[in-house]
Each structure stands twice: as structure tokens, then as C-alpha cells.
């Protein structure tokens, strides 16, 4: 009956529209439809007579603001009228309105219900929407297996979004057994239809050889395809390839050229990378002003490393006037987003009164925040406060735990400090073996106090075999870097000289050879 009424309206419109061809009123899906060439008012007239297709068309016009002032509420009104008459696209659009809360109060249950009605009429977008609803648990039970089933239906009908979703499911093993080969096939299907993310994923797959043989040159092809489709991450990936020589010859200038393309599209990571390039003179001439410009863009978009680097530049006066207050502001913006290096920097500023009043409690709070994220410097700094009892209740046992966490992260100062606690039995039981191991770890990285302490342990035979050669070498290495050792009658110097007096010429010869070897090794450690 509805179609008969619509045909009569269509005939009336044809009779009142001179020159309108019959083909202009034949619509999609085998249904009669109002031609886009007809004005909005004529579509509205047809909609008011109760025609579902016209109602859907009017709803879309209000949704998009085509020929009428945009109104999601009015759009939803017309979608409902058409949906109640079984118009599958209107049912789908009404589901979207409920899901997104556009024009209607958000209601995931009703959203899923309308998607199901459209899906019952084999509408592929509704298949996809139901897959997404089950994947996220929106109005229906969360179930990846059911979600994948809906995605399969839409994918088999050529819907690119579902082909991509199905590829992701196979790639990650969500709702299906993980199968990188199947994922590759579905990514390719979606990419054929110009799906940007699928095209980009193909670039990653051929770069890493996941589910297929690695082919860096092919990865560049797909990255460039994705970039041509406007996918920002693809521009960055090409820049990264030029930077590291993956699939292309290393070329710093080309790398920055592609990073700039991503940066100009608003990608924060690319903006930060371009800023670093200008700061270091990588692929471009050094420029503090350009570096600062890109850092500010990335920082204003909430990029934490960019905010932190802006803090560093203001703290050090690089390209800007030295300004501790401005440095603190940028560190705080990043720190409040959970950026451990910025939390640590703020703690240090509070600890040494750099641009802010000295405040041990605030320092301890910021160090604690960063230490929770396994920042070794913060773990060490907080441990120092627990040793001294500044800003916190003195607790050598907790300090030892913090030093241990930092030492495991290869933080040299913490290795020395923890070794010192084991040697003295502060916060831990005396253990010369452990002290010697920790001192050696720090000494081999060039820590002068650890070198001197290790030398003393070798001299006394504590935790290590007594060895005058080792004792002299490590003590001398520590003494040569110690500022105080330059003063006459310094204890470090005196101890080393006392050891030398007890050594035979043969032992001294061995010591000189070993010291030369260690100095060469330490030079390599510091320059690599």
C-alpha cells in the first residue's frame, strides 16, 4: 500500500514537473525513490504523505544540513517514521542516533534493537554495527565470537570496514583463532576499496614479515598508498623508513620531509620528531625557533615528551631566555598527564630550589609518582630522601628497597648507594659479596666513588679476594676522577700511595697494564 501511495505521489510530481524524465524517480534497491534533483520541499511533501523512502531522504537532509538547517532531532524524527515502516536504512540510521546520542538520548539497547531489524533485512552496515556492538558490549553482551560472525556477514558483502575489523580479529585472535595469513587476506580486501588503515596495516605487515615474507620495498609501496589516502601515520612511517633505511636508502632530508607531511596534518608525534630534527640539525639546518614552534604545536595537543622538552629548553635557555617558571609550567603539564621524566624534573626543581621554593615534601611526592612508573632516577632520589628523612619519615629499609629497584634498572648512582648500604649494614644486613658486586657494576660504568670503594674492598679482601693489583688499579681510577684528590694530602690520594708502597715492581707493572686496559674500556663505555 505504501509503495502504491508513493507511486501516485511520484506520478503527480512528474505531471507538475515539466521535462522530468521517468528515470529520475527510479531509486535504489529496486524501490521507487524521490530524485535528488527534486527540491527539498517536494521531498518533504512526499514524506508527509507517509512515504518511507521520502521520510528517510528528509531525515538524511536534516542530518547533513543539505538544503535545510541541520537538526539531528528532526533527522531522528523522520528516521523513526521510515523505520517504523520497515525501511532498513532508516532503521540503521535510527540505531546510529541512539548509539551516538545524536538527536535522541543515548540508549545502547534500543540502538542494538534497531540494528538487528535492519540486519534482518540483510543490510550490510547493520551487520557491521551489530558486530561492533557485540565487540564493545553496547546494549548487547560483549562477545568477540558473535562480533566476528556479524563482521563476516558484512565482509562477505564487500563492506570495507568489516573486512578491516575481520582482519584485526584474525591478527589479534579476538573471537577467532589467531591467523596472520587470514588477516593479510582481509586487509588486502579492505585495501582494494581504499580503506586507509587496512592499507597502512599492509605496510606494517610487509615491513615486519607477519603472516608473510618480509618485503620492506612492498611496505613502502603500501605506506605511500595510505599516505595518498590522507592517513597521517603512513607519512610518519615513511619518514621512519628513510631515517633507518628500511626498504629505502637512509636519507635524513627525505625522512624529515615525510615527518613534516605528517606534522602538517596534525600528528603530534611527527611534530615532536620534526622539532627534534631542528634542535639536533638532523636532515635540516639547526633552528631553535623552528624547533620551538613545532614543540609548542605538539605540546598544545597534549604531547607529553614535547611538553617535557619545552621545559628543558626553558630551564637551559636554549633558543629562549632562561626561565625556570616557564620550565616548571611545561614540566607540570606533562607531569599531570603521568609523564615520569617530567615528574622527576619537577621533583628535582623542588629539591634544589630551582625557580621554586625548596620543598622536600613536594619533591618526595613527585619522585614517588615517577618511581611508581619505574623511573630509576626518581627511585634513587626518593631513596636519598628516606635516608636523610627530608620530606618523609626516615626509613633506611625503604631507602634500600628503592635503591635496589633503581639499581636493577642499571642506575649507576643507585648501584653505588646500595653497595654502600650493604657494606655498612644500613637498612640491610651486612653483605660484602653483594656490596662488591654492586660497586663493580657502577665502577665499570665510570662511577669514581664506586671505583675507589671497590679498590678498598680488594685491599681488605672483603667480599672479594685480597688483590693489591686490583686494589691499586680501582683506587687509582677513582682518585683520578675525584675533584678532592687534586688537593694535597687528600685521603684518597694517600690511600692509593700507601697501597703502591706495598706492591712489588712486578705487581705495579701488572697494575699499569690492567689500568690501561680498563681506561680504554671505560672510554668506550662513555663514547658509545
Protein backbone atom coordinates (compact mmCIF):
# COMPACT_ATOMS: atom_id res chain seq x y z
CA UNK A 1 0.00 0.00 0.00
CA UNK A 2 2.87 2.31 0.88
CA UNK A 3 4.53 1.80 -2.48
CA UNK A 4 1.22 2.39 -4.32
CA UNK A 5 0.76 5.68 -2.47
CA UNK A 6 4.32 6.67 -3.27
CA UNK A 7 3.89 5.83 -6.98
CA UNK A 8 0.79 8.08 -7.09
CA UNK A 9 2.74 10.90 -5.46
CA UNK A 10 5.58 10.32 -7.91
CA UNK A 11 3.18 10.49 -10.88
CA UNK A 12 1.74 13.75 -9.52
CA UNK A 13 5.24 15.20 -9.17
CA UNK A 14 6.13 14.13 -12.71
CA UNK A 15 2.96 15.77 -14.08
CA UNK A 16 3.79 19.00 -12.24
CA UNK A 17 7.48 18.94 -13.19
CA UNK A 18 7.90 19.60 -16.91
CA UNK A 19 10.88 17.89 -18.51
CA UNK A 20 11.45 15.44 -15.62
CA UNK A 21 12.47 12.06 -17.02
CA UNK A 22 10.88 8.89 -15.66
CA UNK A 23 14.36 7.53 -14.85
CA UNK A 24 14.83 10.31 -12.32
CA UNK A 25 12.29 8.84 -9.95
CA UNK A 26 13.60 5.27 -10.02
CA UNK A 27 15.57 4.71 -6.82
CA UNK A 28 17.94 2.23 -5.24
CA UNK A 29 17.33 -1.35 -4.05
CA UNK A 30 14.53 -1.77 -6.61
CA UNK A 31 12.38 0.79 -4.79
CA UNK A 32 10.85 3.92 -6.25
CA UNK A 33 12.64 6.97 -4.84
CA UNK A 34 12.45 10.73 -4.94
CA UNK A 35 15.17 12.11 -7.21
CA UNK A 36 17.85 14.33 -5.66
CA UNK A 37 17.03 16.80 -8.43
CA UNK A 38 13.68 17.46 -6.77
CA UNK A 39 13.77 20.25 -4.23
CA UNK A 40 13.72 19.58 -0.51
CA UNK A 41 10.15 20.87 -0.18
CA UNK A 42 8.86 18.29 -2.66
CA UNK A 43 10.66 15.54 -0.73
CA UNK A 44 9.07 16.85 2.45
CA UNK A 45 5.61 16.83 0.84
CA UNK A 46 6.11 13.20 -0.15
CA UNK A 47 7.37 12.36 3.35
CA UNK A 48 4.29 13.89 4.92
CA UNK A 49 2.07 11.62 2.87
CA UNK A 50 3.72 8.72 4.71
CA UNK A 51 6.19 7.50 2.13
CA UNK A 52 9.10 5.73 3.88
CA UNK A 53 11.74 6.43 1.25
CA UNK A 54 10.92 10.12 1.22
CA UNK A 55 10.94 10.18 5.03
CA UNK A 56 14.41 8.63 5.05
CA UNK A 57 15.61 11.14 2.43
CA UNK A 58 14.29 14.06 4.50
CA UNK A 59 15.93 12.60 7.61
CA UNK A 60 19.29 12.47 5.84
CA UNK A 61 18.86 16.04 4.63
CA UNK A 62 18.30 17.25 8.21
CA UNK A 63 21.16 15.07 9.45
CA UNK A 64 23.65 16.51 6.94
CA UNK A 65 22.19 20.00 6.67
CA UNK A 66 21.64 19.60 2.93
CA UNK A 67 19.22 22.27 1.72
CA UNK A 68 17.95 22.79 5.25
CA UNK A 69 19.31 23.82 8.64
CA UNK A 70 20.98 20.84 10.29
CA UNK A 71 18.92 19.26 13.06
CA UNK A 72 19.73 15.83 14.47
CA UNK A 73 16.48 15.83 16.44
CA UNK A 74 14.40 16.36 13.31
CA UNK A 75 16.51 13.82 11.43
CA UNK A 76 15.81 11.20 14.10
CA UNK A 77 12.09 12.04 13.92
CA UNK A 78 11.96 11.23 10.19
CA UNK A 79 14.22 8.19 10.53
CA UNK A 80 11.79 6.77 13.09
CA UNK A 81 8.80 7.30 10.78
CA UNK A 82 10.57 5.48 7.95
CA UNK A 83 11.99 2.82 10.26
CA UNK A 84 8.53 2.03 11.66
CA UNK A 85 7.53 1.22 8.09
CA UNK A 86 10.44 -1.20 7.69
CA UNK A 87 12.88 1.00 5.77
CA UNK A 88 16.18 -0.77 6.51
CA UNK A 89 18.46 2.24 6.01
CA UNK A 90 16.27 4.32 8.30
CA UNK A 91 16.35 1.54 10.89
CA UNK A 92 20.13 1.57 10.71
CA UNK A 93 20.31 5.37 10.97
CA UNK A 94 17.97 5.35 13.93
CA UNK A 95 20.25 2.81 15.58
CA UNK A 96 23.22 5.10 14.97
CA UNK A 97 21.30 8.03 16.51
CA UNK A 98 20.61 6.01 19.66
CA UNK A 99 24.19 4.75 19.84
CA UNK A 100 25.80 8.16 19.43
CA UNK A 101 23.17 10.18 21.30
CA UNK A 102 22.62 12.47 18.32
CA UNK A 103 19.06 13.82 18.27
CA UNK A 104 18.00 11.22 20.82
CA UNK A 105 19.04 10.27 24.32
CA UNK A 106 21.79 7.66 24.07
CA UNK A 107 20.39 4.18 24.52
CA UNK A 108 22.60 1.26 23.51
CA UNK A 109 19.84 -1.31 23.98
CA UNK A 110 17.48 0.45 21.58
CA UNK A 111 20.40 1.08 19.23
CA UNK A 112 21.17 -2.64 19.01
CA UNK A 113 17.47 -3.42 18.58
CA UNK A 114 17.18 -1.19 15.51
CA UNK A 115 20.44 -2.51 14.07
CA UNK A 116 19.01 -6.03 14.38
CA UNK A 117 15.86 -5.03 12.47
CA UNK A 118 17.98 -3.63 9.64
CA UNK A 119 20.25 -6.69 9.75
CA UNK A 120 17.22 -8.95 9.40
CA UNK A 121 16.78 -7.25 6.02
CA UNK A 122 20.42 -8.08 5.17
CA UNK A 123 21.70 -4.50 5.35
CA UNK A 124 25.50 -4.80 5.48
CA UNK A 125 26.09 -1.64 7.52
CA UNK A 126 23.75 -3.04 10.18
CA UNK A 127 25.75 -6.30 10.17
CA UNK A 128 28.86 -4.26 10.92
CA UNK A 129 27.12 -2.14 13.57
CA UNK A 130 25.96 -5.28 15.40
CA UNK A 131 29.48 -6.67 15.22
CA UNK A 132 30.80 -3.51 16.82
CA UNK A 133 28.06 -3.56 19.46
CA UNK A 134 28.98 -7.12 20.48
CA UNK A 135 32.68 -6.31 20.40
CA UNK A 136 32.24 -3.38 22.79
CA UNK A 137 29.23 -4.66 24.75
CA UNK A 138 26.95 -1.78 23.68
CA UNK A 139 23.38 -2.80 24.53
CA UNK A 140 24.22 -6.48 23.99
CA UNK A 141 26.55 -8.91 25.80
CA UNK A 142 30.21 -8.41 24.96
CA UNK A 143 31.18 -11.39 22.81
CA UNK A 144 34.04 -11.32 20.33
CA UNK A 145 32.93 -14.56 18.69
CA UNK A 146 29.46 -13.19 17.95
CA UNK A 147 31.01 -9.89 16.84
CA UNK A 148 33.24 -11.71 14.37
CA UNK A 149 30.23 -13.56 12.99
CA UNK A 150 28.49 -10.28 12.15
CA UNK A 151 31.68 -8.85 10.68
CA UNK A 152 31.95 -11.92 8.43
CA UNK A 153 28.46 -11.32 7.05
CA UNK A 154 29.21 -7.69 6.20
CA UNK A 155 32.69 -8.52 4.90
CA UNK A 156 31.30 -11.15 2.55
CA UNK A 157 29.02 -8.45 1.11
CA UNK A 158 32.09 -6.29 0.39
CA UNK A 159 31.85 -3.85 3.33
CA UNK A 160 35.38 -2.50 3.79
CA UNK A 161 35.02 -1.55 7.47
CA UNK A 162 34.01 -5.12 8.31
CA UNK A 163 36.78 -6.55 6.18
CA UNK A 164 39.22 -4.46 8.21
CA UNK A 165 37.58 -5.47 11.51
CA UNK A 166 37.76 -9.13 10.49
CA UNK A 167 41.43 -8.72 9.61
CA UNK A 168 42.05 -7.22 13.05
CA UNK A 169 40.21 -10.13 14.68
CA UNK A 170 42.42 -12.69 12.90
CA UNK A 171 45.53 -10.63 13.62
CA UNK A 172 44.84 -10.42 17.38
CA UNK A 173 42.91 -13.66 17.88
CA UNK A 174 39.72 -11.91 19.00
CA UNK A 175 36.73 -14.23 18.55
CA UNK A 176 38.68 -16.42 16.14
CA UNK A 177 41.90 -18.41 16.26
CA UNK A 178 44.82 -16.11 15.52
CA UNK A 179 45.81 -16.46 11.89
CA UNK A 180 48.11 -13.84 10.35
CA UNK A 181 47.66 -15.32 6.88
CA UNK A 182 43.87 -14.85 7.02
CA UNK A 183 44.38 -11.38 8.46
CA UNK A 184 46.57 -10.49 5.48
CA UNK A 185 43.87 -11.61 3.04
CA UNK A 186 41.17 -9.48 4.68
CA UNK A 187 43.45 -6.45 4.96
CA UNK A 188 44.01 -6.77 1.21
CA UNK A 189 40.28 -6.95 0.53
CA UNK A 190 39.65 -3.79 2.52
CA UNK A 191 42.65 -2.03 0.97
CA UNK A 192 41.29 -2.73 -2.53
CA UNK A 193 38.37 -0.48 -1.62
CA UNK A 194 40.63 2.31 -0.42
CA UNK A 195 40.41 1.60 3.32
CA UNK A 196 43.24 3.75 4.70
CA UNK A 197 44.00 1.84 7.91
CA UNK A 198 43.97 -1.51 6.11
CA UNK A 199 46.39 -0.16 3.53
CA UNK A 200 48.66 1.11 6.30
CA UNK A 201 48.49 -2.23 8.13
CA UNK A 202 49.64 -3.96 4.95
CA UNK A 203 52.70 -1.70 5.05
CA UNK A 204 53.43 -2.80 8.62
CA UNK A 205 52.87 -6.46 7.76
CA UNK A 206 55.34 -6.40 4.87
CA UNK A 207 57.80 -4.40 6.96
CA UNK A 208 57.72 -6.91 9.86
CA UNK A 209 57.01 -10.10 7.88
CA UNK A 210 53.93 -11.04 9.91
CA UNK A 211 51.99 -13.78 8.14
CA UNK A 212 54.11 -13.39 5.02
CA UNK A 213 57.71 -12.90 3.91
CA UNK A 214 59.08 -9.53 4.93
CA UNK A 215 59.33 -7.19 1.96
CA UNK A 216 60.48 -3.68 3.01
CA UNK A 217 60.05 -2.28 -0.51
CA UNK A 218 56.48 -3.53 -0.65
CA UNK A 219 55.86 -1.98 2.76
CA UNK A 220 56.95 1.40 1.38
CA UNK A 221 54.51 0.95 -1.52
CA UNK A 222 51.59 0.43 0.88
CA UNK A 223 52.71 3.22 3.20
CA UNK A 224 52.74 5.61 0.24
CA UNK A 225 49.31 4.38 -0.85
CA UNK A 226 47.96 5.02 2.67
CA UNK A 227 49.63 8.43 2.73
CA UNK A 228 47.96 9.34 -0.58
CA UNK A 229 44.64 8.46 1.09
CA UNK A 230 45.41 11.01 3.83
CA UNK A 231 46.44 8.61 6.59
CA UNK A 232 48.81 10.59 8.85
CA UNK A 233 50.62 7.64 10.41
CA UNK A 234 51.68 6.49 6.95
CA UNK A 235 53.62 9.71 6.35
CA UNK A 236 55.42 9.18 9.65
CA UNK A 237 56.16 5.53 8.79
CA UNK A 238 57.78 6.57 5.51
CA UNK A 239 59.86 9.16 7.35
CA UNK A 240 60.90 6.46 9.84
CA UNK A 241 61.86 4.16 6.94
CA UNK A 242 64.12 6.85 5.44
CA UNK A 243 65.60 7.54 8.88
CA UNK A 244 66.55 3.90 9.48
CA UNK A 245 67.00 2.71 5.89
CA UNK A 246 64.11 0.22 5.85
CA UNK A 247 63.09 -0.50 2.25
CA UNK A 248 64.79 2.69 1.10
CA UNK A 249 68.28 4.15 1.32
CA UNK A 250 68.92 6.15 4.51
CA UNK A 251 68.24 9.81 3.84
CA UNK A 252 67.88 12.31 6.66
CA UNK A 253 66.46 15.07 4.46
CA UNK A 254 63.83 12.71 2.99
CA UNK A 255 62.97 11.48 6.48
CA UNK A 256 62.29 15.00 7.72
CA UNK A 257 60.33 15.77 4.53
CA UNK A 258 57.88 12.94 5.32
CA UNK A 259 57.82 13.75 9.04
CA UNK A 260 56.84 17.29 8.06
CA UNK A 261 53.94 15.98 5.96
CA UNK A 262 52.59 14.11 8.99
CA UNK A 263 53.27 17.10 11.24
CA UNK A 264 51.34 19.44 8.94
CA UNK A 265 48.41 17.02 9.14
CA UNK A 266 48.42 17.49 12.92
CA UNK A 267 50.16 14.31 14.09
CA UNK A 268 51.69 15.11 17.47
CA UNK A 269 54.47 12.52 17.32
CA UNK A 270 55.57 13.84 13.93
CA UNK A 271 55.54 17.43 15.19
CA UNK A 272 57.76 16.39 18.10
CA UNK A 273 60.08 14.48 15.76
CA UNK A 274 60.40 17.50 13.44
CA UNK A 275 61.14 19.68 16.47
CA UNK A 276 63.93 17.29 17.49
CA UNK A 277 65.29 17.35 13.94
CA UNK A 278 65.57 21.16 14.02
CA UNK A 279 67.08 21.02 17.50
CA UNK A 280 69.75 18.49 16.51
CA UNK A 281 70.24 19.60 12.90
CA UNK A 282 69.11 16.22 11.57
CA UNK A 283 68.25 16.49 7.86
CA UNK A 284 67.69 20.24 8.23
CA UNK A 285 69.70 23.24 9.36
CA UNK A 286 69.66 23.72 13.13
CA UNK A 287 67.00 26.17 14.20
CA UNK A 288 65.88 26.78 17.77
CA UNK A 289 62.99 28.95 16.59
CA UNK A 290 61.56 26.25 14.30
CA UNK A 291 62.17 23.60 16.91
CA UNK A 292 60.26 25.64 19.48
CA UNK A 293 57.42 26.29 17.01
CA UNK A 294 56.86 22.57 16.40
CA UNK A 295 57.31 21.71 20.06
CA UNK A 296 54.61 24.19 21.02
CA UNK A 297 52.24 22.75 18.42
CA UNK A 298 52.75 19.22 19.72
CA UNK A 299 52.65 20.38 23.35
CA UNK A 300 49.37 22.25 22.81
CA UNK A 301 47.93 18.96 21.52
CA UNK A 302 48.95 17.31 24.79
CA UNK A 303 52.11 15.51 23.64
CA UNK A 304 53.97 14.81 26.88
CA UNK A 305 57.54 14.46 25.54
CA UNK A 306 57.11 17.76 23.67
CA UNK A 307 55.93 19.45 26.86
CA UNK A 308 58.90 17.99 28.72
CA UNK A 309 61.39 19.14 26.08
CA UNK A 310 59.90 22.64 26.18
CA UNK A 311 60.54 22.57 29.92
CA UNK A 312 64.15 21.52 29.30
CA UNK A 313 64.70 24.30 26.77
CA UNK A 314 63.37 26.96 29.12
CA UNK A 315 65.39 25.52 32.01
CA UNK A 316 68.59 25.55 29.94
CA UNK A 317 67.86 28.72 27.94
CA UNK A 318 68.01 27.02 24.53
CA UNK A 319 66.50 29.35 21.93
CA UNK A 320 64.61 31.20 24.66
CA UNK A 321 65.52 33.25 27.69
CA UNK A 322 66.34 31.18 30.78
CA UNK A 323 63.03 30.89 32.62
CA UNK A 324 62.61 28.39 35.44
CA UNK A 325 58.99 29.39 35.97
CA UNK A 326 58.14 28.57 32.34
CA UNK A 327 60.14 25.35 32.60
CA UNK A 328 58.17 24.36 35.68
CA UNK A 329 54.89 25.12 33.89
CA UNK A 330 55.65 22.79 31.00
CA UNK A 331 57.02 20.05 33.24
CA UNK A 332 53.84 20.26 35.30
CA UNK A 333 51.59 19.94 32.24
CA UNK A 334 53.38 16.75 31.24
CA UNK A 335 53.67 15.51 34.83
CA UNK A 336 49.92 15.87 35.39
CA UNK A 337 49.46 13.54 32.43
CA UNK A 338 51.64 10.92 34.13
CA UNK A 339 54.95 11.62 32.34
CA UNK A 340 57.68 10.16 34.62
CA UNK A 341 60.65 12.26 33.34
CA UNK A 342 58.66 15.45 33.97
CA UNK A 343 57.60 14.26 37.40
CA UNK A 344 61.26 13.62 38.20
CA UNK A 345 62.31 17.04 36.85
CA UNK A 346 59.70 18.78 38.99
CA UNK A 347 60.92 16.84 42.00
CA UNK A 348 64.49 17.97 41.34
CA UNK A 349 63.40 21.60 40.97
CA UNK A 350 61.66 21.40 44.36
CA UNK A 351 64.68 19.63 45.87
CA UNK A 352 67.30 22.16 44.80
CA UNK A 353 65.02 25.24 44.83
CA UNK A 354 65.34 25.87 41.10
CA UNK A 355 62.82 28.59 40.26
CA UNK A 356 60.57 27.42 43.09
CA UNK A 357 60.94 27.47 46.91
CA UNK A 358 62.76 24.44 48.30
CA UNK A 359 60.10 21.93 49.33
CA UNK A 360 61.20 18.42 50.31
CA UNK A 361 57.63 17.17 50.70
CA UNK A 362 56.68 18.22 47.16
CA UNK A 363 59.93 16.78 45.88
CA UNK A 364 59.16 13.47 47.58
CA UNK A 365 55.62 13.46 46.13
CA UNK A 366 56.84 13.98 42.56
CA UNK A 367 59.66 11.45 42.98
CA UNK A 368 57.11 8.95 44.29
CA UNK A 369 54.86 9.49 41.24
CA UNK A 370 57.76 8.90 38.85
CA UNK A 371 59.14 5.98 40.89
CA UNK A 372 55.76 4.24 40.57
CA UNK A 373 56.42 4.19 36.83
CA UNK A 374 59.87 2.63 37.40
CA UNK A 375 61.86 5.81 36.74
CA UNK A 376 65.34 4.90 38.05
CA UNK A 377 66.44 8.46 38.78
CA UNK A 378 63.29 9.11 40.81
CA UNK A 379 63.70 5.82 42.70
CA UNK A 380 67.23 6.83 43.65
CA UNK A 381 66.29 10.42 44.58
CA UNK A 382 63.38 9.22 46.73
CA UNK A 383 65.69 6.70 48.40
CA UNK A 384 68.08 9.53 49.28
CA UNK A 385 65.23 11.40 50.96
CA UNK A 386 64.34 8.30 53.01
CA UNK A 387 67.99 8.03 54.09
CA UNK A 388 68.08 11.67 55.22
CA UNK A 389 64.49 11.91 56.47
CA UNK A 390 63.83 15.08 54.48
CA UNK A 391 60.21 15.47 53.39
CA UNK A 392 59.49 11.92 54.57
CA UNK A 393 59.92 9.87 57.74
CA UNK A 394 63.46 8.48 57.80
CA UNK A 395 63.40 4.83 56.75
CA UNK A 396 66.71 3.20 55.65
CA UNK A 397 64.93 -0.11 54.92
CA UNK A 398 62.58 1.52 52.41
CA UNK A 399 65.51 3.51 51.02
CA UNK A 400 67.35 0.23 50.39
CA UNK A 401 64.32 -1.14 48.51
CA UNK A 402 64.19 1.96 46.33
CA UNK A 403 67.93 1.81 45.64
CA UNK A 404 67.53 -1.85 44.70
CA UNK A 405 64.73 -1.04 42.20
CA UNK A 406 66.86 1.71 40.68
CA UNK A 407 69.99 -0.47 40.62
CA UNK A 408 68.11 -3.19 38.72
CA UNK A 409 67.40 -0.53 36.10
CA UNK A 410 71.20 -0.08 35.78
CA UNK A 411 71.20 3.33 37.50
CA UNK A 412 74.85 3.76 38.44
CA UNK A 413 74.38 6.06 41.43
CA UNK A 414 71.88 3.63 42.94
CA UNK A 415 74.26 0.70 42.46
CA UNK A 416 76.92 2.57 44.40
CA UNK A 417 74.50 3.75 47.09
CA UNK A 418 73.07 0.25 47.61
CA UNK A 419 76.57 -1.22 47.72
CA UNK A 420 77.39 1.30 50.43
CA UNK A 421 74.35 0.21 52.47
CA UNK A 422 75.39 -3.45 52.19
CA UNK A 423 78.93 -2.58 53.24
CA UNK A 424 77.74 -0.64 56.28
CA UNK A 425 74.66 -2.71 57.12
CA UNK A 426 72.26 0.25 56.92
CA UNK A 427 68.69 -0.84 56.07
CA UNK A 428 70.05 -4.25 55.04
CA UNK A 429 72.24 -6.90 56.64
CA UNK A 430 75.99 -6.51 56.08
CA UNK A 431 76.98 -8.39 52.92
CA UNK A 432 80.40 -7.64 51.45
CA UNK A 433 79.88 -10.00 48.50
CA UNK A 434 76.79 -8.08 47.37
CA UNK A 435 78.50 -4.75 48.08
CA UNK A 436 81.44 -5.75 45.88
CA UNK A 437 79.19 -6.82 43.01
CA UNK A 438 77.25 -3.56 43.14
CA UNK A 439 80.42 -1.47 43.37
CA UNK A 440 81.85 -3.31 40.37
CA UNK A 441 78.71 -2.69 38.29
CA UNK A 442 78.93 1.03 38.99
CA UNK A 443 82.75 1.14 38.72
CA UNK A 444 82.72 -0.43 35.26
CA UNK A 445 80.42 2.41 34.14
CA UNK A 446 82.91 5.02 35.38
CA UNK A 447 81.49 5.90 38.84
CA UNK A 448 84.58 7.21 40.65
CA UNK A 449 83.35 6.66 44.23
CA UNK A 450 82.41 3.07 43.35
CA UNK A 451 85.84 2.52 41.81
CA UNK A 452 87.54 3.76 44.98
CA UNK A 453 85.23 1.67 47.21
CA UNK A 454 85.88 -1.46 45.12
CA UNK A 455 89.61 -0.83 45.43
CA UNK A 456 89.33 -0.72 49.22
CA UNK A 457 87.38 -3.99 49.29
CA UNK A 458 90.11 -5.64 47.19
CA UNK A 459 92.75 -4.26 49.58
CA UNK A 460 90.94 -5.62 52.65
CA UNK A 461 89.77 -8.85 50.98
CA UNK A 462 86.14 -8.15 51.88
CA UNK A 463 83.64 -9.80 49.53
CA UNK A 464 86.44 -10.32 47.03
CA UNK A 465 89.85 -11.96 47.04
CA UNK A 466 92.58 -9.76 48.51
CA UNK A 467 94.46 -8.42 45.50
CA UNK A 468 96.86 -5.46 45.70
CA UNK A 469 96.93 -5.09 41.91
CA UNK A 470 93.12 -4.79 41.67
CA UNK A 471 93.09 -2.63 44.79
CA UNK A 472 95.61 -0.16 43.38
CA UNK A 473 94.06 -0.02 39.91
CA UNK A 474 90.49 0.67 41.08
CA UNK A 475 91.60 3.10 43.78
CA UNK A 476 93.74 4.99 41.28
CA UNK A 477 90.90 5.13 38.75
CA UNK A 478 88.62 6.57 41.43
CA UNK A 479 91.25 9.01 42.65
CA UNK A 480 91.99 10.36 39.16
CA UNK A 481 88.37 11.48 38.74
CA UNK A 482 87.81 12.70 42.27
CA UNK A 483 87.87 16.51 42.50
CA UNK A 484 89.09 16.39 46.10
CA UNK A 485 92.03 14.18 45.09
CA UNK A 486 93.61 17.18 43.36
CA UNK A 487 94.21 18.70 46.79
CA UNK A 488 97.43 17.86 48.56
CA UNK A 489 97.20 15.30 51.37
CA UNK A 490 93.74 14.15 50.26
CA UNK A 491 92.86 10.79 51.94
CA UNK A 492 92.02 9.19 48.57
CA UNK A 493 95.48 10.07 47.27
CA UNK A 494 97.16 8.97 50.48
CA UNK A 495 95.45 5.58 50.47
CA UNK A 496 96.42 4.95 46.85
CA UNK A 497 100.06 5.94 47.56
CA UNK A 498 100.12 3.74 50.65
CA UNK A 499 98.99 0.77 48.52
CA UNK A 500 101.70 1.49 45.94
CA UNK A 501 104.40 1.34 48.64
CA UNK A 502 103.39 -2.24 49.48
CA UNK A 503 103.49 -3.52 45.88
CA UNK A 504 106.39 -5.23 44.15
CA UNK A 505 107.71 -3.85 40.83
CA UNK A 506 106.11 -6.83 39.08
CA UNK A 507 102.71 -6.08 40.68
CA UNK A 508 103.00 -2.42 39.70
CA UNK A 509 103.74 -3.45 36.11
CA UNK A 510 100.64 -5.66 36.10
CA UNK A 511 98.60 -2.83 37.61
CA UNK A 512 99.66 -0.34 34.92
CA UNK A 513 98.75 -2.80 32.15
CA UNK A 514 95.36 -3.57 33.71
CA UNK A 515 94.66 0.11 34.30
CA UNK A 516 95.40 0.95 30.66
CA UNK A 517 93.02 -1.79 29.54
CA UNK A 518 90.28 -0.60 31.90
CA UNK A 519 90.69 3.05 30.88
CA UNK A 520 90.23 2.03 27.25
CA UNK A 521 87.11 0.08 28.16
CA UNK A 522 85.73 2.97 30.20
CA UNK A 523 86.39 5.39 27.33
CA UNK A 524 84.34 3.11 25.06
CA UNK A 525 81.50 2.98 27.61
CA UNK A 526 81.34 6.77 27.75
CA UNK A 527 81.52 7.37 23.99
CA UNK A 528 79.16 4.73 22.61
